[in-house]
Amino acid sequence: MHTDHRHDGDHCHDHRGHHEQGDGDQHVRSRASLHSRLAHRISELLGVHSHDMADQMDSSLEADADGRRALVRSLGILGATAAIQLAVADLSGSVALLGDGLHNVADALTAVPLLLAFGLARRAPTKRYTYGWGRAEDLAGLVVIVMVAFSSALAAFEAVDRLLHPRHVSDLWAVALAAAVGFVGNELVARYRIRVGRRIGSAALVADGLHARTDGFTSLAVLLGAGGVALGFQGADPVAGLLITAVLLGVLRSAVGQVGARLLDAVDPALVDRAVVAVLSVTGVIDVRELRIRWIGHTLRAEVDATVAPDLTVTQAHELAHHAEAHLLQQLPRLSAATVHTSPAGAH
């Protein structure tokens, strides 16, 4: 944290990806008047393009809509998968398939906290929550991790229980078919959630996709077990279940790493390097003294302290800060806000 001493060569410029009233509207109008055609040409030659605040908001809203759509669709797929499995479990008496079906019900319900988080993220910042509600998405990621851990424990318990208390299973063909449906349904949901989560920058949605993948492995264990039982090996089902439990723990470790890193404000170091290059590409910026980037939900926020010549006026420093902001918004697609502070060379 540093003290902001303002003078002719010291200026702080803040861009927010939200519609603002009063001063915000005046700022937009002043920016429009400052950008003459000649300045726009120069900016284009330097590789800078205008980023309207409405465009940034539209991008954020589009990401929210994509995330909610992915959750609702996957909820429907997993609900249908669970219904098929529970029906076959009742017919065949397969406890393993019953557990897998109930497991898929629980998995489908993990979409609920994520949907709530996406809804909260749309709320405007307040005096208490000045950065908005995007962090609710990361808290939802913790709920997903708990569900993954529960899934792993449940799979291990069922495997051990079946080893200790073998059960007769009828209609093995139906059990195998229902297990295959469970595997395919979960894998489709996993790929869909992970793809959308990575595109919109949602670690929680990626973690939920990994969770769906763990459930697919559990369904695969039921399928392999049914095959083993059909061949006369009664212990095939629990043995396969134990092997799959080990895989589930590996997926859990990956989910914990992703969500934990997000909670600790970790970003890809390459993203920081890219941001530094973007700021240094502005003519007049001598060095980048400090640059910080953090995720808030599935959008980025940056804070930059750039070194400029000490003889610049406030207006000139403002223009440099504005150009640096524009470069950042262009080079970092998920960036929704940037605060650019300019300090005179030689200042402490």
Foldseek 3Di string as FASTA:
>chain_A
DDDQDDDFQWDKDKDFLDDDPDVSVVVVVVVVVVCDPVNQVVCVVLVFDDDDSVNLVVLLVVLLVLLLVLLVVLLVLLVVLLVLLCVVCVVWVDPLSPLLSVLSNVLNCLSVQQNVQSVQQPDAADPVRNVGRLCSLLVSLVVLLVSLVVVLVSLLVVLVVCVVPPDDTPPLVSLLVSLQSLLVSLLVSLVSQLVSCVVLQALSSNLSSLSSNLSSQSSVLSNQCSVCVVVPNRSSSSVSSVVSSVVSVVSSVVSCVSSVCQVVFHDDVVLVVLLQVLLVSQPFFDHWPDKGWGDRNRAIEIETETEGAPPHGNVRSNVSQVSSFSSSCVRPVRHRMYMYIYDYPPDD
